[in-house]
Protein backbone atom coordinates (compact mmCIF):
# COMPACT_ATOMS: atom_id res chain seq x y z
CA MET A 1 0.00 0.00 0.00
CA LYS A 2 2.83 2.38 0.90
CA TYR A 3 4.55 1.85 -2.44
CA ALA A 4 1.31 2.31 -4.36
CA ILE A 5 0.79 5.66 -2.64
CA TYR A 6 4.36 6.71 -3.52
CA ILE A 7 3.93 5.67 -7.16
CA LEU A 8 0.58 7.46 -7.49
CA ALA A 9 1.98 10.62 -5.86
CA ILE A 10 4.98 10.62 -8.18
CA ALA A 11 2.70 10.09 -11.19
CA ALA A 12 0.46 12.98 -10.12
CA PHE A 13 3.38 15.35 -9.53
CA THR A 14 4.97 14.28 -12.82
CA SER A 15 1.73 14.99 -14.64
CA ILE A 16 1.53 18.45 -13.09
CA ILE A 17 5.16 19.26 -13.89
CA LEU A 18 4.85 18.00 -17.46
CA GLY A 19 1.70 20.04 -17.90
CA PHE A 20 3.57 23.19 -16.95
CA THR A 21 6.71 22.47 -18.95
CA LEU A 22 5.40 20.92 -22.18
CA GLU A 23 3.86 23.12 -24.83
CA VAL A 24 1.15 20.79 -26.15
CA LYS A 25 -2.60 21.16 -26.64
CA TYR A 26 -3.44 18.95 -23.69
CA SER A 27 -1.06 20.50 -21.14
CA GLN A 28 -3.96 21.90 -19.10
CA LYS A 29 -5.50 18.43 -18.99
CA LEU A 30 -2.24 17.02 -17.64
CA ILE A 31 -2.27 19.58 -14.86
CA GLY A 32 -5.94 18.87 -14.14
CA PHE A 33 -5.49 15.11 -14.05
CA GLY A 34 -2.47 15.49 -11.79
CA VAL A 35 -4.28 17.71 -9.31
CA THR A 36 -7.41 15.56 -9.39
CA GLY A 37 -5.41 12.39 -8.86
CA LEU A 38 -3.53 13.98 -6.02
CA PHE A 39 -6.60 15.19 -4.14
CA LEU A 40 -9.09 12.45 -4.97
CA ILE A 41 -6.82 9.40 -4.90
CA VAL A 42 -3.46 10.01 -3.21
CA PHE A 43 -4.52 12.10 -0.20
CA PRO A 44 -7.43 9.83 0.84
CA LEU A 45 -5.23 6.72 0.47
CA PHE A 46 -2.47 8.39 2.47
CA THR A 47 -4.90 9.39 5.22
CA TYR A 48 -6.45 5.94 5.37
CA HIS A 49 -3.05 4.24 5.46
CA HIS A 50 -1.81 6.34 8.37
CA TRP A 51 -5.01 6.31 10.44
CA LYS A 52 -6.20 2.73 9.98
CA ASP A 53 -4.74 1.36 13.25
CA LYS A 54 -5.48 4.38 15.43
CA ASN A 55 -8.20 4.59 18.04
CA MET A 56 -10.31 7.71 17.51
CA LYS A 57 -11.22 7.91 21.22
CA ASP A 58 -7.61 8.79 21.98
CA TYR A 59 -7.98 11.99 19.94
CA MET A 60 -11.41 13.10 21.15
CA LEU A 61 -11.97 15.49 24.04
CA THR A 62 -13.83 13.26 26.45
CA LYS A 63 -14.09 13.70 30.20
CA GLU A 64 -11.40 11.09 30.82
CA ASN A 65 -8.97 12.65 28.33
CA LEU A 66 -9.52 16.11 29.78
CA ASP A 67 -8.80 14.77 33.26
CA LYS A 68 -5.59 13.13 32.01
CA MET A 69 -4.50 16.39 30.39
CA ARG A 70 -5.14 18.34 33.62
CA GLU A 71 -3.18 15.82 35.67
CA ASN A 72 -0.26 15.98 33.22
CA GLN A 73 -0.26 19.77 33.41
CA LYS A 74 -0.21 19.69 37.22
CA ARG A 75 2.72 17.25 37.20
CA LYS A 76 4.72 19.36 34.74
CA LYS A 77 4.44 22.52 36.83
CA TYR A 78 7.41 22.98 39.12
């Protein structure tokens, strides 16, 4: 999965760069396909890959997490 994300990101950036540098009729389409691929394919895959094993409750502000944060702040004060 990691390598597929890298390959797709490189392909999207290459398409964008080629769209800017080449002087062909379809250069704007290359830029468009690169940006679309980056935002609709690469970023969601990257986000899914890095968040798939995380517990969302660890990142939410619940009563327990707020209490833990307050205790940590009290311990860090000198």
